[in-house]
Amino acid sequence: MMAMRQQRGFTLIEIAIVLVIVGLLLGGVLKGQELITSARVRNLISTQDGVKAAFFGFQDRFRAVPGDYQQAAQNIANMATTGCGAGNGNGNGTIDPGTESVLTWEHLSKAGFITGTFVCNAAQGVDTTPTNPYNVWLQLIFDGVYVDAAGAAPQRHNLKTGAQIPVEIIAEVDRKVDDGRPYTGSFRFSVYQGNAAVVPSAGAAVAPNCATDALANQWNSVNGSPNCGGAIVF
């Protein structure tokens, strides 16, 4: 009779080596995800800082607001002179919703304050408006479409990040540039593009689960909504 082979199991050393390898792989994946998140946060902050600097730089040079500048076609080279107010705003001192909020990007780019070349059109598009890392349009405008702890937000110039930003990333941006709270400070939760507008109230979270009620005034990171956005108020 042939002797049966004795089956050999794994030794403790072999099991330990496998566990170490698995740990290293998991650690690498988690670290990689952390690096991606950090890069996206830095990208959003850098974009906000750049556009805000461009806004005030434009004001200093032309004594007017981009998008609203009434003599842009005469004083900025290569401005498109057809459509969009023939390249000029109405000069009322604010970036009005509609044409001026799109024309803003042509004024800033043609005047050399932001990179890229944008040409105003009736609607936002690839050639008219820059986007965030999630391919949603930014918006520089004078309005109150951002959330205020007291209810209706006062109208002010603000830069909206656009939507489709995961809540944990928008919350980290807020922590780094402001007070880390969605309803107060210079960086607020915004319902621009894709977020249902809900005035905050006690006990009622803001849809779509980006922020808690006004009393708690916290980003709703637990629910992990992938569709949030913010506005930096000037």
C-alpha atoms as a PDB file:
ATOM      1  CA  MET A   1       0.000   0.000   0.000  1.00  0.00           C
ATOM      2  CA  MET A   2       1.101   3.474  -0.822  1.00  0.00           C
ATOM      3  CA  ALA A   3       1.420   5.728   2.183  1.00  0.00           C
ATOM      4  CA  MET A   4      -0.992   8.672   2.162  1.00  0.00           C
ATOM      5  CA  ARG A   5       0.573  12.096   2.027  1.00  0.00           C
ATOM      6  CA  GLN A   6       0.239  14.131   5.155  1.00  0.00           C
ATOM      7  CA  GLN A   7      -1.361  17.495   4.408  1.00  0.00           C
ATOM      8  CA  ARG A   8       0.668  20.427   5.591  1.00  0.00           C
ATOM      9  CA  GLY A   9      -0.989  23.625   6.908  1.00  0.00           C
ATOM     10  CA  PHE A  10       0.347  27.172   7.050  1.00  0.00           C
ATOM     11  CA  THR A  11       2.850  27.993   9.733  1.00  0.00           C
ATOM     12  CA  LEU A  12       2.367  30.963  12.032  1.00  0.00           C
ATOM     13  CA  ILE A  13       5.187  32.763  10.247  1.00  0.00           C
ATOM     14  CA  GLU A  14       3.524  32.314   6.845  1.00  0.00           C
ATOM     15  CA  ILE A  15       0.188  33.562   8.197  1.00  0.00           C
ATOM     16  CA  ALA A  16       1.932  36.551   9.761  1.00  0.00           C
ATOM     17  CA  ILE A  17       3.620  37.398   6.444  1.00  0.00           C
ATOM     18  CA  VAL A  18       0.271  37.256   4.604  1.00  0.00           C
ATOM     19  CA  LEU A  19      -1.355  39.490   7.210  1.00  0.00           C
ATOM     20  CA  VAL A  20       1.483  42.006   6.932  1.00  0.00           C
ATOM     21  CA  ILE A  21       1.127  42.092   3.138  1.00  0.00           C
ATOM     22  CA  VAL A  22      -2.649  42.539   3.366  1.00  0.00           C
ATOM     23  CA  GLY A  23      -2.129  45.329   5.910  1.00  0.00           C
ATOM     24  CA  LEU A  24       0.351  47.078   3.655  1.00  0.00           C
ATOM     25  CA  LEU A  25      -2.031  46.847   0.692  1.00  0.00           C
ATOM     26  CA  LEU A  26      -4.964  48.221   2.698  1.00  0.00           C
ATOM     27  CA  GLY A  27      -2.771  50.977   4.104  1.00  0.00           C
ATOM     28  CA  GLY A  28      -1.657  51.917   0.598  1.00  0.00           C
ATOM     29  CA  VAL A  29      -5.236  52.074  -0.669  1.00  0.00           C
ATOM     30  CA  LEU A  30      -6.370  54.217   2.270  1.00  0.00           C
ATOM     31  CA  LYS A  31      -3.346  56.494   1.964  1.00  0.00           C
ATOM     32  CA  GLY A  32      -3.971  56.859  -1.759  1.00  0.00           C
ATOM     33  CA  GLN A  33      -7.589  57.826  -1.113  1.00  0.00           C
ATOM     34  CA  GLU A  34      -6.437  60.340   1.489  1.00  0.00           C
ATOM     35  CA  LEU A  35      -4.015  61.884  -0.989  1.00  0.00           C
ATOM     36  CA  ILE A  36      -6.751  62.163  -3.638  1.00  0.00           C
ATOM     37  CA  THR A  37      -9.086  63.850  -1.148  1.00  0.00           C
ATOM     38  CA  SER A  38      -6.359  66.277  -0.046  1.00  0.00           C
ATOM     39  CA  ALA A  39      -5.577  67.126  -3.662  1.00  0.00           C
ATOM     40  CA  ARG A  40      -9.228  67.885  -4.390  1.00  0.00           C
ATOM     41  CA  VAL A  41      -9.506  70.063  -1.289  1.00  0.00           C
ATOM     42  CA  ARG A  42      -6.380  71.990  -2.299  1.00  0.00           C
ATOM     43  CA  ASN A  43      -7.710  72.359  -5.840  1.00  0.00           C
ATOM     44  CA  LEU A  44     -10.998  73.852  -4.626  1.00  0.00           C
ATOM     45  CA  ILE A  45      -9.246  76.250  -2.236  1.00  0.00           C
ATOM     46  CA  SER A  46      -6.713  77.298  -4.881  1.00  0.00           C
ATOM     47  CA  THR A  47      -9.510  77.986  -7.380  1.00  0.00           C
ATOM     48  CA  GLN A  48     -11.430  80.096  -4.848  1.00  0.00           C
ATOM     49  CA  ASP A  49      -8.337  82.096  -3.933  1.00  0.00           C
ATOM     50  CA  GLY A  50      -7.448  82.644  -7.592  1.00  0.00           C
ATOM     51  CA  VAL A  51     -10.907  83.852  -8.630  1.00  0.00           C
ATOM     52  CA  LYS A  52     -11.254  86.074  -5.564  1.00  0.00           C
ATOM     53  CA  ALA A  53      -7.861  87.661  -6.277  1.00  0.00           C
ATOM     54  CA  ALA A  54      -8.881  88.114  -9.930  1.00  0.00           C
ATOM     55  CA  PHE A  55     -12.156  89.791  -8.892  1.00  0.00           C
ATOM     56  CA  PHE A  56     -10.421  92.368  -6.715  1.00  0.00           C
ATOM     57  CA  GLY A  57      -7.552  92.808  -9.181  1.00  0.00           C
ATOM     58  CA  PHE A  58     -10.045  93.607 -11.937  1.00  0.00           C
ATOM     59  CA  GLN A  59     -11.749  96.135  -9.667  1.00  0.00           C
ATOM     60  CA  ASP A  60      -8.445  97.829  -8.874  1.00  0.00           C
ATOM     61  CA  ARG A  61      -7.471  98.148 -12.533  1.00  0.00           C
ATOM     62  CA  PHE A  62     -10.772  99.144 -14.131  1.00  0.00           C
ATOM     63  CA  ARG A  63     -12.663 100.619 -11.153  1.00  0.00           C
ATOM     64  CA  ALA A  64     -15.532  98.338 -12.107  1.00  0.00           C
ATOM     65  CA  VAL A  65     -16.865  94.852 -11.387  1.00  0.00           C
ATOM     66  CA  PRO A  66     -16.109  92.065 -13.923  1.00  0.00           C
ATOM     67  CA  GLY A  67     -19.216  91.138 -15.877  1.00  0.00           C
ATOM     68  CA  ASP A  68     -20.757  94.506 -15.009  1.00  0.00           C
ATOM     69  CA  TYR A  69     -18.025  96.677 -16.594  1.00  0.00           C
ATOM     70  CA  GLN A  70     -19.737  99.095 -18.981  1.00  0.00           C
ATOM     71  CA  GLN A  71     -16.655  99.938 -21.111  1.00  0.00           C
ATOM     72  CA  ALA A  72     -15.163  96.442 -21.394  1.00  0.00           C
ATOM     73  CA  ALA A  73     -15.418  96.248 -25.199  1.00  0.00           C
ATOM     74  CA  GLN A  74     -13.501  99.528 -25.500  1.00  0.00           C
ATOM     75  CA  ASN A  75     -10.796  98.819 -22.899  1.00  0.00           C
ATOM     76  CA  ILE A  76     -10.202  95.043 -22.940  1.00  0.00           C
ATOM     77  CA  ALA A  77      -8.534  93.519 -26.009  1.00  0.00           C
ATOM     78  CA  ASN A  78     -10.253  90.815 -28.073  1.00  0.00           C
ATOM     79  CA  MET A  79     -13.639  91.118 -26.405  1.00  0.00           C
ATOM     80  CA  ALA A  80     -16.477  89.573 -28.415  1.00  0.00           C
ATOM     81  CA  THR A  81     -18.759  92.439 -29.443  1.00  0.00           C
ATOM     82  CA  THR A  82     -21.784  90.427 -30.545  1.00  0.00           C
ATOM     83  CA  GLY A  83     -24.300  89.124 -28.030  1.00  0.00           C
ATOM     84  CA  CYS A  84     -23.959  89.347 -24.247  1.00  0.00           C
ATOM     85  CA  GLY A  85     -24.494  93.104 -24.199  1.00  0.00           C
ATOM     86  CA  ALA A  86     -21.889  93.581 -26.938  1.00  0.00           C
ATOM     87  CA  GLY A  87     -19.261  92.630 -24.350  1.00  0.00           C
ATOM     88  CA  ASN A  88     -20.368  95.201 -21.774  1.00  0.00           C
ATOM     89  CA  GLY A  89     -22.283  95.026 -18.498  1.00  0.00           C
ATOM     90  CA  ASN A  90     -24.884  97.542 -17.395  1.00  0.00           C
ATOM     91  CA  GLY A  91     -22.621  99.352 -14.935  1.00  0.00           C
ATOM     92  CA  ASN A  92     -24.891  99.125 -11.889  1.00  0.00           C
ATOM     93  CA  GLY A  93     -22.063  97.894  -9.653  1.00  0.00           C
ATOM     94  CA  THR A  94     -23.178  94.265  -9.285  1.00  0.00           C
ATOM     95  CA  ILE A  95     -22.800  91.028 -11.246  1.00  0.00           C
ATOM     96  CA  ASP A  96     -26.438  90.423 -12.092  1.00  0.00           C
ATOM     97  CA  PRO A  97     -27.887  86.916 -12.664  1.00  0.00           C
ATOM     98  CA  GLY A  98     -28.077  85.886 -16.305  1.00  0.00           C
ATOM     99  CA  THR A  99     -25.773  87.424 -18.896  1.00  0.00           C
ATOM    100  CA  GLU A 100     -23.438  89.278 -16.525  1.00  0.00           C
ATOM    101  CA  SER A 101     -22.663  86.179 -14.457  1.00  0.00           C
ATOM    102  CA  VAL A 102     -21.450  84.474 -17.654  1.00  0.00           C
ATOM    103  CA  LEU A 103     -19.801  87.602 -19.121  1.00  0.00           C
ATOM    104  CA  THR A 104     -17.721  87.820 -15.930  1.00  0.00           C
ATOM    105  CA  TRP A 105     -15.457  85.009 -17.102  1.00  0.00           C
ATOM    106  CA  GLU A 106     -14.787  86.645 -20.471  1.00  0.00           C
ATOM    107  CA  HIS A 107     -13.874  89.914 -18.756  1.00  0.00           C
ATOM    108  CA  LEU A 108     -11.520  88.167 -16.328  1.00  0.00           C
ATOM    109  CA  SER A 109      -9.863  85.922 -18.921  1.00  0.00           C
ATOM    110  CA  LYS A 110      -9.486  88.545 -21.670  1.00  0.00           C
ATOM    111  CA  ALA A 111      -8.060  91.002 -19.129  1.00  0.00           C
ATOM    112  CA  GLY A 112      -5.497  88.360 -18.097  1.00  0.00           C
ATOM    113  CA  PHE A 113      -6.685  87.765 -14.531  1.00  0.00           C
ATOM    114  CA  ILE A 114      -7.519  84.053 -14.951  1.00  0.00           C
ATOM    115  CA  THR A 115      -6.124  81.357 -17.227  1.00  0.00           C
ATOM    116  CA  GLY A 116      -8.121  80.065 -20.172  1.00  0.00           C
ATOM    117  CA  THR A 117     -10.101  81.867 -22.831  1.00  0.00           C
ATOM    118  CA  PHE A 118     -13.816  82.229 -22.208  1.00  0.00           C
ATOM    119  CA  VAL A 119     -16.326  83.839 -24.562  1.00  0.00           C
ATOM    120  CA  CYS A 120     -19.732  84.871 -23.254  1.00  0.00           C
ATOM    121  CA  ASN A 121     -22.822  83.125 -24.518  1.00  0.00           C
ATOM    122  CA  ALA A 122     -26.430  83.176 -23.376  1.00  0.00           C
ATOM    123  CA  ALA A 123     -25.900  80.014 -21.344  1.00  0.00           C
ATOM    124  CA  GLN A 124     -23.033  78.391 -19.465  1.00  0.00           C
ATOM    125  CA  GLY A 125     -20.922  75.996 -21.494  1.00  0.00           C
ATOM    126  CA  VAL A 126     -17.455  74.582 -22.025  1.00  0.00           C
ATOM    127  CA  ASP A 127     -16.163  77.778 -23.643  1.00  0.00           C
ATOM    128  CA  THR A 128     -17.977  80.230 -21.364  1.00  0.00           C
ATOM    129  CA  THR A 129     -17.438  79.132 -17.778  1.00  0.00           C
ATOM    130  CA  PRO A 130     -14.727  77.330 -15.752  1.00  0.00           C
ATOM    131  CA  THR A 131     -15.706  74.198 -13.826  1.00  0.00           C
ATOM    132  CA  ASN A 132     -14.865  72.545 -10.524  1.00  0.00           C
ATOM    133  CA  PRO A 133     -13.027  69.151 -10.365  1.00  0.00           C
ATOM    134  CA  TYR A 134     -16.414  67.413 -10.728  1.00  0.00           C
ATOM    135  CA  ASN A 135     -17.169  69.165 -14.037  1.00  0.00           C
ATOM    136  CA  VAL A 136     -19.863  71.497 -12.650  1.00  0.00           C
ATOM    137  CA  TRP A 137     -19.865  75.204 -13.547  1.00  0.00           C
ATOM    138  CA  LEU A 138     -18.544  77.799 -11.133  1.00  0.00           C
ATOM    139  CA  GLN A 139     -20.517  81.000 -10.671  1.00  0.00           C
ATOM    140  CA  LEU A 140     -19.419  84.499  -9.669  1.00  0.00           C
ATOM    141  CA  ILE A 141     -22.541  86.566  -8.993  1.00  0.00           C
ATOM    142  CA  PHE A 142     -24.398  89.023  -6.772  1.00  0.00           C
ATOM    143  CA  ASP A 143     -27.206  87.118  -5.067  1.00  0.00           C
ATOM    144  CA  GLY A 144     -28.332  85.429  -1.864  1.00  0.00           C
ATOM    145  CA  VAL A 145     -28.275  81.822  -3.065  1.00  0.00           C
ATOM    146  CA  TYR A 146     -26.302  80.540  -0.100  1.00  0.00           C
ATOM    147  CA  VAL A 147     -27.564  79.485   3.317  1.00  0.00           C
ATOM    148  CA  ASP A 148     -27.608  81.825   6.313  1.00  0.00           C
ATOM    149  CA  ALA A 149     -28.276  80.776   9.912  1.00  0.00           C
ATOM    150  CA  ALA A 150     -30.802  83.589  10.268  1.00  0.00           C
ATOM    151  CA  GLY A 151     -32.859  82.369   7.286  1.00  0.00           C
ATOM    152  CA  ALA A 152     -32.840  84.398   4.079  1.00  0.00           C
ATOM    153  CA  ALA A 153     -29.263  85.300   3.141  1.00  0.00           C
ATOM    154  CA  PRO A 154     -28.414  88.931   2.296  1.00  0.00           C
ATOM    155  CA  GLN A 155     -27.446  89.567  -1.317  1.00  0.00           C
ATOM    156  CA  ARG A 156     -23.689  89.864  -1.741  1.00  0.00           C
ATOM    157  CA  HIS A 157     -21.053  89.058  -4.325  1.00  0.00           C
ATOM    158  CA  ASN A 158     -20.034  85.434  -3.911  1.00  0.00           C
ATOM    159  CA  LEU A 159     -18.218  82.654  -5.735  1.00  0.00           C
ATOM    160  CA  LYS A 160     -20.044  79.341  -5.871  1.00  0.00           C
ATOM    161  CA  THR A 161     -18.066  76.119  -6.114  1.00  0.00           C
ATOM    162  CA  GLY A 162     -20.796  74.326  -8.065  1.00  0.00           C
ATOM    163  CA  ALA A 163     -22.420  71.102  -6.902  1.00  0.00           C
ATOM    164  CA  GLN A 164     -21.531  67.386  -7.064  1.00  0.00           C
ATOM    165  CA  ILE A 165     -18.848  67.806  -4.385  1.00  0.00           C
ATOM    166  CA  PRO A 166     -18.852  65.118  -1.641  1.00  0.00           C
ATOM    167  CA  VAL A 167     -19.845  66.575   1.716  1.00  0.00           C
ATOM    168  CA  GLU A 168     -16.638  65.445   3.436  1.00  0.00           C
ATOM    169  CA  ILE A 169     -14.590  67.424   0.905  1.00  0.00           C
ATOM    170  CA  ILE A 170     -16.691  70.592   1.087  1.00  0.00           C
ATOM    171  CA  ALA A 171     -16.585  70.349   4.902  1.00  0.00           C
ATOM    172  CA  GLU A 172     -12.787  70.073   4.851  1.00  0.00           C
ATOM    173  CA  VAL A 173     -12.571  73.120   2.580  1.00  0.00           C
ATOM    174  CA  ASP A 174     -14.682  75.047   5.101  1.00  0.00           C
ATOM    175  CA  ARG A 175     -12.480  73.935   7.991  1.00  0.00           C
ATOM    176  CA  LYS A 176      -9.341  75.068   6.189  1.00  0.00           C
ATOM    177  CA  VAL A 177     -10.557  78.466   4.942  1.00  0.00           C
ATOM    178  CA  ASP A 178     -13.230  79.466   7.461  1.00  0.00           C
ATOM    179  CA  ASP A 179     -15.059  78.321  10.613  1.00  0.00           C
ATOM    180  CA  GLY A 180     -16.016  74.796   9.495  1.00  0.00           C
ATOM    181  CA  ARG A 181     -19.749  75.575   9.763  1.00  0.00           C
ATOM    182  CA  PRO A 182     -22.168  75.630   6.795  1.00  0.00           C
ATOM    183  CA  TYR A 183     -24.385  78.579   7.831  1.00  0.00           C
ATOM    184  CA  THR A 184     -21.881  81.104   9.203  1.00  0.00           C
ATOM    185  CA  GLY A 185     -18.610  82.761   8.262  1.00  0.00           C
ATOM    186  CA  SER A 186     -17.366  83.651   4.798  1.00  0.00           C
ATOM    187  CA  PHE A 187     -17.771  80.127   3.366  1.00  0.00           C
ATOM    188  CA  ARG A 188     -21.354  78.805   3.369  1.00  0.00           C
ATOM    189  CA  PHE A 189     -23.359  75.884   2.054  1.00  0.00           C
ATOM    190  CA  SER A 190     -24.862  76.841  -1.316  1.00  0.00           C
ATOM    191  CA  VAL A 191     -27.873  75.362  -3.074  1.00  0.00           C
ATOM    192  CA  TYR A 192     -26.575  76.483  -6.474  1.00  0.00           C
ATOM    193  CA  GLN A 193     -26.814  73.788  -9.193  1.00  0.00           C
ATOM    194  CA  GLY A 194     -28.356  70.560  -8.036  1.00  0.00           C
ATOM    195  CA  ASN A 195     -29.152  71.116  -4.374  1.00  0.00           C
ATOM    196  CA  ALA A 196     -32.724  71.632  -3.158  1.00  0.00           C
ATOM    197  CA  ALA A 197     -33.163  75.065  -1.564  1.00  0.00           C
ATOM    198  CA  VAL A 198     -34.294  74.688   2.037  1.00  0.00           C
ATOM    199  CA  VAL A 199     -34.205  77.524   4.574  1.00  0.00           C
ATOM    200  CA  PRO A 200     -32.564  76.059   7.713  1.00  0.00           C
ATOM    201  CA  SER A 201     -34.731  75.592  10.781  1.00  0.00           C
ATOM    202  CA  ALA A 202     -34.468  73.807  14.107  1.00  0.00           C
ATOM    203  CA  GLY A 203     -34.658  70.049  13.643  1.00  0.00           C
ATOM    204  CA  ALA A 204     -34.759  70.127   9.829  1.00  0.00           C
ATOM    205  CA  ALA A 205     -31.669  69.051   7.904  1.00  0.00           C
ATOM    206  CA  VAL A 206     -30.943  70.785   4.632  1.00  0.00           C
ATOM    207  CA  ALA A 207     -31.506  68.607   1.564  1.00  0.00           C
ATOM    208  CA  PRO A 208     -29.746  66.671   0.179  1.00  0.00           C
ATOM    209  CA  ASN A 209     -28.169  65.839   3.520  1.00  0.00           C
ATOM    210  CA  CYS A 210     -25.273  68.241   3.158  1.00  0.00           C
ATOM    211  CA  ALA A 211     -25.829  70.058   6.436  1.00  0.00           C
ATOM    212  CA  THR A 212     -27.680  69.627   9.709  1.00  0.00           C
ATOM    213  CA  ASP A 213     -30.302  71.997  11.094  1.00  0.00           C
ATOM    214  CA  ALA A 214     -29.481  75.651  11.810  1.00  0.00           C
ATOM    215  CA  LEU A 215     -29.066  75.130  15.557  1.00  0.00           C
ATOM    216  CA  ALA A 216     -26.431  72.420  15.181  1.00  0.00           C
ATOM    217  CA  ASN A 217     -24.850  74.259  12.217  1.00  0.00           C
ATOM    218  CA  GLN A 218     -22.696  71.302  11.147  1.00  0.00           C
ATOM    219  CA  TRP A 219     -21.815  69.703   7.832  1.00  0.00           C
ATOM    220  CA  ASN A 220     -23.642  66.378   7.640  1.00  0.00           C
ATOM    221  CA  SER A 221     -20.564  64.243   7.017  1.00  0.00           C
ATOM    222  CA  VAL A 222     -22.197  61.099   8.460  1.00  0.00           C
ATOM    223  CA  ASN A 223     -24.627  60.699   5.556  1.00  0.00           C
ATOM    224  CA  GLY A 224     -21.860  61.217   3.023  1.00  0.00           C
ATOM    225  CA  SER A 225     -23.909  63.047   0.388  1.00  0.00           C
ATOM    226  CA  PRO A 226     -21.991  63.251  -2.919  1.00  0.00           C
ATOM    227  CA  ASN A 227     -23.923  66.316  -4.125  1.00  0.00           C
ATOM    228  CA  CYS A 228     -22.950  69.400  -2.122  1.00  0.00           C
ATOM    229  CA  GLY A 229     -21.480  72.801  -2.831  1.00  0.00           C
ATOM    230  CA  GLY A 230     -20.441  76.021  -1.166  1.00  0.00           C
ATOM    231  CA  ALA A 231     -20.102  79.745  -1.723  1.00  0.00           C
ATOM    232  CA  ILE A 232     -17.332  82.027  -0.553  1.00  0.00           C
ATOM    233  CA  VAL A 233     -18.929  85.370   0.256  1.00  0.00           C
ATOM    234  CA  PHE A 234     -16.950  88.557  -0.469  1.00  0.00           C
END
